[in-house]
Amino acid sequence: MRRAMVRPGRSLLNGIVEVDETLIGGEEHGGKRGRGAGRKSVVVIAIEVHEPKGFGRVRMRRITDASGESLIPFRGVVG
């Protein structure tokens, strides 16, 4: 999905932009849940919100963790 969205020289997202992070990875039984759970990857996602209803362009990036230090550089996708 991410490869399909990449366009060289793409413009920054603008307007109302929602940003959130999620965990991507296989289901593991009997272990920890959430951010402390093994082999899952943290992915940050930003999407333009169109009013009154709908969505625009999307940006996603895998980050090492959900700390502010990892999330702040992702702001570079938002204008």
Protein backbone atom coordinates (compact mmCIF):
# COMPACT_ATOMS: atom_id res chain seq x y z
CA MET A 1 0.00 0.00 0.00
CA ARG A 2 2.70 2.43 1.00
CA ARG A 3 4.66 1.92 -2.21
CA ALA A 4 1.55 2.64 -4.28
CA MET A 5 1.08 6.02 -2.55
CA VAL A 6 4.62 7.31 -3.10
CA ARG A 7 5.02 9.98 -5.76
CA PRO A 8 8.36 11.78 -6.18
CA GLY A 9 8.06 15.49 -5.37
CA ARG A 10 4.66 15.01 -3.76
CA SER A 11 3.16 17.98 -1.97
CA LEU A 12 2.56 18.09 1.77
CA LEU A 13 -0.82 17.18 3.22
CA ASN A 14 -2.86 20.26 4.11
CA GLY A 15 -6.11 21.41 5.66
CA ILE A 16 -7.43 19.28 8.50
CA VAL A 17 -5.06 16.33 8.95
CA GLU A 18 -5.58 13.52 11.45
CA VAL A 19 -2.51 11.61 12.64
CA ASP A 20 -2.41 8.40 14.66
CA GLU A 21 -0.22 5.37 15.16
CA THR A 22 -1.10 1.70 15.06
CA LEU A 23 0.56 -1.67 15.55
CA ILE A 24 0.93 -3.98 12.55
CA GLY A 25 1.93 -7.60 12.94
CA GLY A 26 0.82 -11.15 13.38
CA GLU A 27 -1.32 -12.41 16.21
CA GLU A 28 0.64 -13.92 19.08
CA HIS A 29 -1.14 -16.08 21.64
CA GLY A 30 -0.30 -16.22 25.32
CA GLY A 31 2.02 -13.22 25.35
CA LYS A 32 1.85 -9.53 26.13
CA ARG A 33 -0.70 -7.35 24.37
CA GLY A 34 -0.29 -3.87 22.90
CA ARG A 35 2.97 -1.98 22.46
CA GLY A 36 5.02 -4.42 24.52
CA ALA A 37 4.08 -7.38 22.32
CA GLY A 38 7.03 -8.88 20.44
CA ARG A 39 7.37 -8.57 16.67
CA LYS A 40 4.81 -5.91 15.91
CA SER A 41 5.76 -2.75 14.03
CA VAL A 42 4.56 0.77 14.84
CA VAL A 43 3.14 2.60 11.81
CA VAL A 44 2.18 6.28 11.87
CA ILE A 45 -0.62 7.38 9.52
CA ALA A 46 -1.72 10.87 8.45
CA ILE A 47 -4.86 11.52 6.39
CA GLU A 48 -6.50 14.67 5.04
CA VAL A 49 -10.07 15.09 6.29
CA HIS A 50 -12.49 16.71 3.84
CA GLU A 51 -15.52 18.57 5.22
CA PRO A 52 -18.36 17.87 5.51
CA LYS A 53 -17.50 14.25 4.85
CA GLY A 54 -14.72 12.21 3.24
CA PHE A 55 -10.97 11.73 3.12
CA GLY A 56 -8.14 12.88 0.89
CA ARG A 57 -4.52 11.86 0.57
CA VAL A 58 -2.78 9.51 3.01
CA ARG A 59 0.80 9.14 4.26
CA MET A 60 2.14 6.17 6.24
CA ARG A 61 5.58 5.40 7.65
CA ARG A 62 7.01 2.67 9.87
CA ILE A 63 8.68 4.15 12.96
CA THR A 64 10.84 2.51 15.62
CA ASP A 65 8.50 3.36 18.52
CA ALA A 66 5.61 5.66 19.44
CA SER A 67 7.74 8.20 21.33
CA GLY A 68 7.58 11.90 20.55
CA GLU A 69 11.13 11.66 19.23
CA SER A 70 9.94 9.22 16.54
CA LEU A 71 6.61 10.93 15.80
CA ILE A 72 7.77 14.57 15.49
CA PRO A 73 9.80 14.07 12.25
CA PHE A 74 6.65 12.67 10.61
CA ARG A 75 5.12 16.18 10.86
CA GLY A 76 7.13 16.93 7.71
CA VAL A 77 4.30 15.40 5.64
CA VAL A 78 1.85 18.08 6.83
CA GLY A 79 1.87 21.62 5.41
